[in-house]
Protein backbone atom coordinates (compact mmCIF):
# COMPACT_ATOMS: atom_id res chain seq x y z
CA MET A 1 0.00 0.00 0.00
CA GLY A 2 1.16 3.52 -0.72
CA LEU A 3 3.41 2.52 -3.65
CA GLN A 4 3.49 4.90 -6.59
CA ARG A 5 2.73 3.86 -10.15
CA SER A 6 6.40 3.79 -11.07
CA GLU A 7 7.07 1.42 -8.17
CA ILE A 8 4.24 -0.88 -9.23
CA PHE A 9 5.61 -0.92 -12.79
CA SER A 10 9.04 -1.82 -11.41
CA SER A 11 7.49 -4.62 -9.37
CA TRP A 12 5.85 -6.12 -12.45
CA LEU A 13 9.12 -5.82 -14.36
CA VAL A 14 10.85 -7.81 -11.65
CA VAL A 15 8.13 -10.47 -11.76
CA LEU A 16 8.46 -10.79 -15.53
CA LEU A 17 12.24 -11.10 -15.35
CA VAL A 18 12.06 -13.75 -12.65
CA PHE A 19 9.40 -15.61 -14.63
CA PHE A 20 11.58 -15.55 -17.76
CA ILE A 21 14.64 -16.87 -15.94
CA TYR A 22 12.74 -19.51 -14.03
CA HIS A 23 10.93 -20.96 -17.02
CA HIS A 24 13.75 -20.83 -19.60
CA PRO A 25 14.87 -24.46 -19.87
CA LYS A 26 18.44 -23.74 -20.88
CA LEU A 27 19.03 -21.10 -18.23
CA CYS A 28 17.84 -22.98 -15.19
CA TYR A 29 17.66 -26.65 -16.13
CA GLY A 30 19.82 -29.30 -17.84
CA ARG A 31 23.35 -30.53 -17.10
CA PHE A 32 26.44 -29.48 -18.98
CA ASN A 33 29.43 -31.80 -19.46
CA GLU A 34 32.98 -30.68 -19.66
CA ASP A 35 32.54 -29.88 -23.37
CA GLY A 36 29.66 -27.47 -22.65
CA ARG A 37 26.89 -29.65 -24.15
CA THR A 38 23.63 -30.62 -22.47
CA LEU A 39 23.21 -34.27 -21.50
CA GLN A 40 19.82 -35.86 -21.63
CA SER A 41 18.61 -36.64 -18.12
CA GLU A 42 18.21 -40.29 -17.25
CA SER A 43 15.08 -39.34 -15.35
CA ASN A 44 13.43 -38.55 -18.69
CA GLY A 45 13.60 -42.24 -19.64
CA GLY A 46 16.67 -42.34 -21.88
CA PRO A 47 20.32 -42.95 -21.20
CA ALA A 48 22.72 -40.12 -21.14
CA VAL A 49 24.12 -39.44 -24.56
CA ALA A 50 27.90 -39.32 -24.63
CA PRO A 51 29.23 -36.37 -26.56
CA PRO A 52 31.37 -36.89 -29.62
CA GLN A 53 35.06 -36.14 -29.26
CA ARG A 54 35.88 -32.47 -29.56
CA ASN A 55 38.31 -31.46 -32.23
CA PRO A 56 41.23 -30.24 -30.17
CA THR A 57 42.15 -27.76 -32.85
CA VAL A 58 38.83 -25.89 -32.54
CA SER A 59 38.70 -23.05 -29.99
CA LEU A 60 35.88 -20.82 -28.79
CA TRP A 61 37.89 -17.94 -30.09
CA SER A 62 38.52 -19.45 -33.56
CA PRO A 63 37.20 -17.56 -36.56
CA VAL A 64 33.66 -18.38 -37.64
CA PRO A 65 33.86 -21.08 -40.33
CA SER A 66 32.78 -20.27 -43.87
CA PRO A 67 29.26 -21.31 -45.03
CA SER A 68 30.75 -24.14 -47.11
CA ALA A 69 32.25 -25.80 -44.02
CA PRO A 70 29.84 -27.17 -41.34
CA GLU A 71 30.22 -25.59 -37.84
CA PRO A 72 31.55 -28.03 -35.25
CA GLN A 73 28.84 -28.97 -32.70
CA ALA A 74 31.13 -28.62 -29.68
CA SER A 75 31.99 -25.06 -30.64
CA SER A 76 28.30 -24.19 -31.05
CA GLN A 77 27.33 -25.63 -27.65
CA GLY A 78 30.18 -23.91 -25.86
CA THR A 79 29.23 -20.58 -27.42
CA LYS A 80 25.61 -21.02 -26.26
CA LYS A 81 26.74 -21.72 -22.72
CA LEU A 82 28.82 -18.56 -22.73
CA ILE A 83 25.85 -16.58 -24.04
CA TYR A 84 23.52 -17.98 -21.36
CA ILE A 85 25.98 -17.17 -18.60
CA SER A 86 26.49 -13.67 -19.98
CA ILE A 87 22.70 -13.16 -19.86
CA CYS A 88 22.07 -14.68 -16.43
CA ILE A 89 24.62 -12.61 -14.56
CA PRO A 90 23.41 -9.11 -15.63
CA VAL A 91 19.73 -10.12 -15.45
CA GLY A 92 20.20 -11.47 -11.94
CA PHE A 93 22.01 -8.31 -10.96
CA MET A 94 19.12 -6.23 -12.36
CA VAL A 95 16.59 -8.24 -10.38
CA ILE A 96 18.49 -7.79 -7.12
CA LEU A 97 19.00 -4.08 -7.83
CA ALA A 98 15.30 -3.55 -8.61
CA ILE A 99 14.25 -5.29 -5.40
CA CYS A 100 16.68 -3.17 -3.37
CA ILE A 101 15.33 0.02 -4.97
CA LEU A 102 11.73 -0.94 -4.18
CA VAL A 103 12.54 -1.74 -0.56
CA PHE A 104 14.51 1.49 -0.19
CA LYS A 105 11.68 3.60 -1.64
CA HIS A 106 9.11 1.93 0.60
CA PHE A 107 11.03 2.57 3.82
CA ARG A 108 12.06 6.04 2.71
CA LYS A 109 8.41 6.94 2.06
CA ASP A 110 7.44 5.72 5.55
CA ALA A 111 10.27 7.79 7.03
CA ILE A 112 9.13 10.91 5.13
CA ASP A 113 5.54 10.37 6.24
CA ARG A 114 6.57 10.07 9.88
CA ALA A 115 8.70 13.19 9.59
CA SER A 116 5.74 15.18 8.20
CA ILE A 117 3.42 14.00 11.02
CA ALA A 118 4.82 15.67 14.11
CA VAL A 119 2.83 13.83 16.78
CA PRO A 120 3.57 10.66 18.79
CA VAL A 121 2.83 7.19 17.41
CA PHE A 122 0.74 4.87 19.58
CA GLN A 123 0.49 1.10 19.45
CA ARG A 124 -2.94 -0.45 19.00
CA SER A 125 -2.50 -2.36 22.26
CA GLN A 126 -1.97 0.92 24.14
CA LEU A 127 -5.18 2.43 22.79
CA GLN A 128 -7.10 -0.80 23.29
CA ALA A 129 -6.16 -0.76 26.97
CA ALA A 130 -6.90 2.97 27.26
CA CYS A 131 -10.40 2.54 25.79
CA GLU A 132 -11.16 -0.60 27.87
CA ASP A 133 -11.09 -2.92 24.88
CA PHE A 134 -12.88 -0.28 22.78
CA SER A 135 -16.05 -0.42 24.83
CA ASN A 136 -16.34 3.31 25.67
CA VAL A 137 -18.13 4.48 22.50
CA ILE A 138 -18.91 8.22 22.51
CA GLY A 139 -19.88 8.71 18.87
CA SER A 140 -20.03 7.12 15.43
CA SER A 141 -20.45 7.88 11.73
CA PRO A 142 -20.32 5.83 8.52
CA GLU A 143 -16.54 6.38 8.41
CA PHE A 144 -15.37 6.01 12.00
CA VAL A 145 -16.21 5.24 15.61
CA SER A 146 -15.10 7.48 18.50
CA TYR A 147 -14.05 6.16 21.91
CA LYS A 148 -13.15 7.80 25.18
CA GLY A 149 -9.88 6.60 26.62
CA THR A 150 -7.58 7.19 29.55
CA LEU A 151 -3.88 6.70 28.98
CA SER A 152 -1.67 5.08 31.60
CA GLY A 153 -0.56 8.52 32.82
CA GLY A 154 -4.17 9.57 33.50
CA VAL A 155 -4.60 11.76 30.39
CA GLU A 156 -8.10 11.53 28.90
CA VAL A 157 -8.25 11.30 25.11
CA ALA A 158 -10.77 10.76 22.33
CA VAL A 159 -9.77 7.96 19.94
CA LEU A 160 -11.20 8.05 16.44
CA SER A 161 -11.03 4.65 14.72
CA TYR A 162 -11.84 4.21 11.05
CA VAL A 163 -14.28 1.38 10.37
CA ALA A 164 -12.13 -0.36 7.71
CA LYS A 165 -11.05 -3.77 9.06
CA SER A 166 -8.68 -4.81 6.26
CA ALA A 167 -6.59 -3.39 3.46
CA LYS A 168 -9.26 -4.52 0.99
CA GLU A 169 -11.70 -2.05 2.57
CA TRP A 170 -9.12 0.75 2.54
CA SER A 171 -8.37 2.28 -0.86
CA ARG A 172 -5.23 4.12 -1.87
CA ARG A 173 -7.26 7.32 -1.88
CA SER A 174 -8.36 6.64 1.71
CA GLU A 175 -4.75 6.15 2.77
CA SER A 176 -3.69 9.36 1.03
CA GLN A 177 -6.50 11.33 2.71
CA PHE A 178 -5.61 9.83 6.09
CA ARG A 179 -1.95 10.83 5.77
CA ASN A 180 -2.78 14.32 4.49
CA LYS A 181 -5.27 14.88 7.28
CA MET A 182 -2.74 13.87 9.93
CA ALA A 183 -0.05 16.04 8.32
CA THR A 184 -2.41 19.03 8.42
CA LEU A 185 -3.74 18.47 11.93
CA SER A 186 -0.32 17.73 13.42
CA ARG A 187 0.91 21.22 12.60
CA LEU A 188 -1.99 22.83 14.50
CA ASN A 189 -1.48 23.63 18.16
CA HIS A 190 -3.88 26.04 19.82
CA LYS A 191 -5.36 25.96 23.31
CA ASN A 192 -8.88 26.55 21.97
CA LEU A 193 -8.67 23.75 19.40
CA VAL A 194 -9.23 20.02 19.89
CA ASN A 195 -5.66 19.15 18.93
CA LEU A 196 -4.40 15.92 17.38
CA VAL A 197 -2.07 14.33 19.93
CA GLY A 198 -1.14 11.04 18.25
CA TYR A 199 -2.08 8.33 15.81
CA CYS A 200 -1.90 4.58 15.21
CA ARG A 201 -1.20 2.98 11.84
CA GLU A 202 -0.72 -0.79 11.76
CA ASP A 203 -1.07 -3.37 8.99
CA ARG A 204 0.53 -6.60 10.20
CA THR A 205 -1.49 -8.12 13.05
CA SER A 206 -4.68 -6.07 12.83
CA PHE A 207 -5.44 -3.42 10.23
CA THR A 208 -5.69 -0.16 12.16
CA ARG A 209 -6.10 3.49 11.29
CA MET A 210 -6.71 5.65 14.37
CA MET A 211 -6.26 9.27 15.39
CA VAL A 212 -5.98 10.39 19.01
CA PHE A 213 -7.38 13.78 20.03
CA GLU A 214 -7.72 15.84 23.18
CA TYR A 215 -10.88 15.12 25.12
CA ALA A 216 -13.33 17.87 26.10
CA PRO A 217 -15.51 16.44 28.89
CA ASN A 218 -18.18 19.13 29.26
CA GLY A 219 -20.35 18.56 26.21
CA SER A 220 -20.99 20.90 23.31
CA LEU A 221 -22.07 24.52 23.15
CA HIS A 222 -25.32 23.30 21.62
CA ASP A 223 -26.10 21.24 24.75
CA HIS A 224 -25.51 24.21 27.04
CA LEU A 225 -27.31 26.89 25.05
CA ILE A 226 -30.35 24.98 23.86
CA HIS A 227 -30.96 22.46 26.63
CA GLY A 228 -29.15 24.14 29.51
CA MET A 229 -27.31 20.89 30.17
CA PRO A 230 -25.26 20.17 32.14
CA GLN A 231 -25.36 23.81 33.28
CA HIS A 232 -26.58 27.21 32.17
CA LEU A 233 -23.93 29.54 30.79
CA SER A 234 -23.67 33.01 32.26
CA TRP A 235 -22.98 36.07 30.15
CA ALA A 236 -19.34 36.02 31.26
CA ASP A 237 -19.07 32.36 30.21
CA ARG A 238 -20.50 33.11 26.77
CA ILE A 239 -18.19 36.04 26.15
CA ARG A 240 -15.17 33.98 27.22
CA ILE A 241 -16.23 31.19 24.85
CA ALA A 242 -16.72 33.69 22.01
CA MET A 243 -13.23 35.11 22.57
CA GLY A 244 -11.64 31.64 22.59
CA ILE A 245 -13.28 30.82 19.25
CA ALA A 246 -12.14 34.16 17.78
CA TYR A 247 -8.53 33.63 18.89
CA CYS A 248 -8.48 30.12 17.43
CA LEU A 249 -9.97 31.18 14.08
CA ASP A 250 -7.46 34.01 13.80
CA TYR A 251 -4.66 31.49 14.46
CA ILE A 252 -5.67 28.93 11.82
CA HIS A 253 -6.46 31.63 9.23
CA ASN A 254 -2.90 32.97 9.51
CA LEU A 255 -1.14 29.65 8.96
CA LYS A 256 0.80 29.06 5.75
CA PRO A 257 -1.23 27.81 3.94
CA PRO A 258 -4.30 29.07 5.81
CA VAL A 259 -6.72 26.56 7.33
CA VAL A 260 -10.48 26.95 7.74
CA LEU A 261 -13.35 25.07 9.35
CA LYS A 262 -15.82 23.33 7.07
CA ASN A 263 -18.61 23.77 9.61
CA LEU A 264 -18.50 26.27 12.45
CA GLN A 265 -21.65 25.63 14.43
CA LEU A 266 -22.88 24.95 17.95
CA ASP A 267 -22.21 21.20 17.76
CA SER A 268 -18.58 21.72 16.71
CA ILE A 269 -17.75 23.83 19.80
CA LEU A 270 -16.85 21.60 22.75
CA LEU A 271 -16.33 22.82 26.30
CA THR A 272 -13.82 21.95 29.00
CA ASP A 273 -14.55 21.59 32.71
CA ASP A 274 -14.00 25.31 33.21
CA CYS A 275 -16.23 26.17 30.20
CA ALA A 276 -13.47 27.18 27.80
CA ALA A 277 -14.09 26.65 24.09
CA LYS A 278 -12.41 23.81 22.18
CA ILE A 279 -13.22 23.82 18.46
CA SER A 280 -13.56 20.28 17.15
CA SER A 281 -11.03 19.54 14.42
CA ILE A 282 -12.29 15.99 13.79
CA ASP A 283 -13.16 15.85 10.10
CA ASN A 284 -13.67 19.62 10.20
CA ILE A 285 -10.34 21.13 9.09
CA ILE A 286 -9.48 21.86 5.45
CA ILE A 287 -6.90 23.94 3.62
CA ALA A 288 -8.35 27.25 2.42
CA LYS A 289 -8.44 27.42 -1.36
CA THR A 290 -9.81 30.94 -1.82
CA SER A 291 -10.36 34.07 0.26
CA GLU A 292 -14.06 33.23 0.15
CA ASP A 293 -13.38 30.27 2.47
CA LEU A 294 -12.01 32.68 5.08
CA THR A 295 -14.97 35.03 4.65
CA ASN A 296 -17.40 32.15 5.15
CA ASN A 297 -15.83 31.43 8.55
CA VAL A 298 -16.31 35.09 9.48
CA CYS A 299 -20.01 34.83 8.60
CA GLN A 300 -20.38 31.56 10.53
CA TYR A 301 -18.77 33.18 13.55
CA GLY A 302 -21.28 36.04 13.39
CA ILE A 303 -24.13 33.51 13.45
CA LEU A 304 -22.58 31.87 16.53
CA LEU A 305 -22.48 35.23 18.30
CA LEU A 306 -26.17 35.80 17.53
CA GLN A 307 -27.03 32.34 18.85
CA MET A 308 -25.08 32.89 22.06
CA ILE A 309 -26.77 36.26 22.61
CA SER A 310 -30.32 35.21 21.77
CA GLY A 311 -30.25 31.53 22.70
CA ARG A 312 -32.26 30.73 19.58
CA LEU A 313 -31.77 27.35 17.93
CA GLU A 314 -32.16 28.30 14.28
CA GLY A 315 -29.14 29.43 12.33
CA GLY A 316 -28.31 30.87 8.95
CA GLU A 317 -30.76 33.10 7.11
CA ASP A 318 -33.66 32.46 9.50
CA LEU A 319 -31.79 33.79 12.53
CA ILE A 320 -30.30 36.72 10.61
CA THR A 321 -33.74 37.69 9.31
CA TRP A 322 -35.29 37.48 12.78
CA VAL A 323 -32.61 39.68 14.36
CA THR A 324 -32.71 42.17 11.49
CA ASP A 325 -36.51 42.47 11.63
CA TYR A 326 -36.40 42.92 15.37
CA LEU A 327 -33.71 45.60 15.30
CA THR A 328 -35.52 47.58 12.58
CA GLY A 329 -38.87 47.47 14.39
CA GLU A 330 -40.44 50.45 16.06
CA LYS A 331 -40.09 49.10 19.62
CA SER A 332 -36.82 47.29 19.27
CA VAL A 333 -34.95 46.96 22.54
CA VAL A 334 -31.58 45.20 22.43
CA LYS A 335 -32.13 43.90 25.94
CA ASP A 336 -35.14 41.92 24.74
CA LEU A 337 -32.97 39.99 22.31
CA ILE A 338 -30.92 38.45 25.10
CA ASN A 339 -31.77 34.94 26.20
CA SER A 340 -33.86 34.90 29.36
CA MET A 341 -31.50 32.42 31.02
CA VAL A 342 -28.60 34.87 30.83
CA ILE A 343 -30.22 38.28 31.27
CA ASN A 344 -29.92 38.25 35.05
CA SER A 345 -26.19 37.45 34.91
CA ILE A 346 -25.32 40.67 33.05
CA ARG A 347 -23.87 43.19 35.43
CA GLU A 348 -24.60 46.87 34.98
CA GLN A 349 -21.12 47.66 33.68
CA GLN A 350 -21.49 44.87 31.08
CA GLN A 351 -24.77 46.06 29.58
CA TYR A 352 -23.10 48.20 26.95
CA HIS A 353 -21.19 45.09 25.79
CA VAL A 354 -24.37 43.56 24.43
CA SER A 355 -25.17 46.20 21.84
CA GLU A 356 -21.55 46.50 20.71
CA ILE A 357 -21.08 42.75 20.35
CA LEU A 358 -24.41 42.52 18.57
CA SER A 359 -23.16 45.19 16.13
CA ILE A 360 -20.03 43.14 15.43
CA ALA A 361 -22.13 40.03 14.85
CA MET A 362 -24.35 41.86 12.34
CA ASP A 363 -21.26 43.13 10.49
CA CYS A 364 -20.01 39.53 10.19
CA VAL A 365 -23.28 38.33 8.61
CA ASN A 366 -23.67 41.23 6.20
CA PRO A 367 -25.26 39.87 2.98
CA ASP A 368 -22.52 41.60 0.99
CA PRO A 369 -19.23 39.75 1.72
CA ARG A 370 -17.30 42.88 0.75
CA LYS A 371 -18.82 44.75 3.69
CA ARG A 372 -17.92 42.12 6.25
CA PRO A 373 -14.79 42.50 8.41
CA ALA A 374 -11.67 41.90 6.34
CA SER A 375 -10.47 39.05 8.56
CA MET A 376 -11.04 37.23 11.84
CA GLY A 377 -8.12 39.26 13.13
CA ASP A 378 -10.22 42.42 12.79
CA VAL A 379 -13.16 40.78 14.57
CA MET A 380 -10.91 39.50 17.34
CA GLU A 381 -9.33 42.91 17.94
CA ARG A 382 -12.73 44.63 18.18
CA LEU A 383 -14.00 42.04 20.64
CA ARG A 384 -10.85 42.15 22.77
CA GLU A 385 -11.16 45.92 23.04
CA ILE A 386 -14.69 45.49 24.39
CA THR A 387 -14.24 42.46 26.65
CA GLN A 388 -10.59 42.96 27.75
CA ILE A 389 -10.18 39.16 27.61
CA LYS A 390 -6.68 38.13 26.51
CA PRO A 391 -5.76 34.76 24.95
CA ASP A 392 -4.73 33.24 28.29
CA GLY A 393 -8.04 34.31 29.80
CA ALA A 394 -9.98 32.47 27.10
CA ALA A 395 -7.84 29.31 27.22
CA PRO A 396 -8.59 26.18 29.30
CA LYS A 397 -6.81 25.92 32.62
CA LEU A 398 -4.68 22.84 31.83
CA SER A 399 -1.59 21.58 33.61
CA PRO A 400 1.66 22.76 31.95
CA LEU A 401 2.95 19.16 32.29
CA TRP A 402 0.14 17.78 30.12
CA TRP A 403 2.08 17.51 26.86
CA ALA A 404 5.19 16.16 28.58
CA GLU A 405 3.09 13.48 30.27
CA LEU A 406 1.50 12.51 26.95
CA GLU A 407 4.91 12.28 25.26
CA ILE A 408 6.18 9.92 27.96
CA THR A 409 3.02 7.78 27.77
CA SER A 410 3.21 7.39 23.99
CA THR A 411 6.75 6.02 24.11
CA GLU A 412 6.29 3.49 26.91
């Protein structure tokens, strides 16, 4: 798996050469006597035929006889033997050389792949033990199953396992996408992102393709805003979450090449124990192809802000239309837009935040993309000026030894 077309062509060439040598009767079979002529095998039913006496005056290096004189048989057989030997040696050398090249390319490709994926490699047995024999299922899709696991050092992780059980169910395109996805995710490292922390790729004993991510134990933003489970979010919590998302989007948009989220919505925002935002990167990260991809993330972020302010479930055009109609009405009061579960948690000095943040959200969802903020950096700066929340204030409160502990665990 993973061989290029040129390598496959070389493999077939080797097979054909080996087949030719193996099945050529005069290259691999028969016995030659001291005069260089093949003797008939007694196992074929006939006695060995004794060769006629060689003319001692004839040499392999003698001039070729004229057409009028018959060529001596001994000279002909000796010449054939020399020709066969001269063919076998270079062909055999070519076969060995081709095999060495194929093996070298295969291991070199694996080495390059590992170098481009800058996260630890786990063994399947490690992850199997961490996930209690893969019994802790926390999610599934047609492509993969997600498990919660606890590594030997106590670090909680989410293990994503692709459903393919053998190489026959795993195409070359699937392998290429898997490697590219790991190469992209492994270069991301932000405190408000669900980061890739390792992977498992095995073919020998049990076909395995797994990715290991950080685990966010406090559910999704959707659960908190819509159902109020497991707890209601205060206004301060919502603003801190909004700032964490803004910092993370600004980070991935400024990578080279820039990265965007395919879907930025309530379900893709996970929360930690202290209610910090962790944007899910599982099957959600792609390389930006155009500036429009970046602008779409800005618009999606504006919709998230409106949902966090209003607590309304609908998104997209329906929510934008509802807010626009409300704000343009005769008796529009910004305070009435705020979700009833959060209104009492807004302190007096924070009340002016609501209208200003609402203004930023409406700029992000402007129907004309040219009138939206130029980048998430602009949005983030405007919000930071209002909220005074710095990156560390929006980040989860994790132990500084977390990554070191994970590195030790992955190499046990």
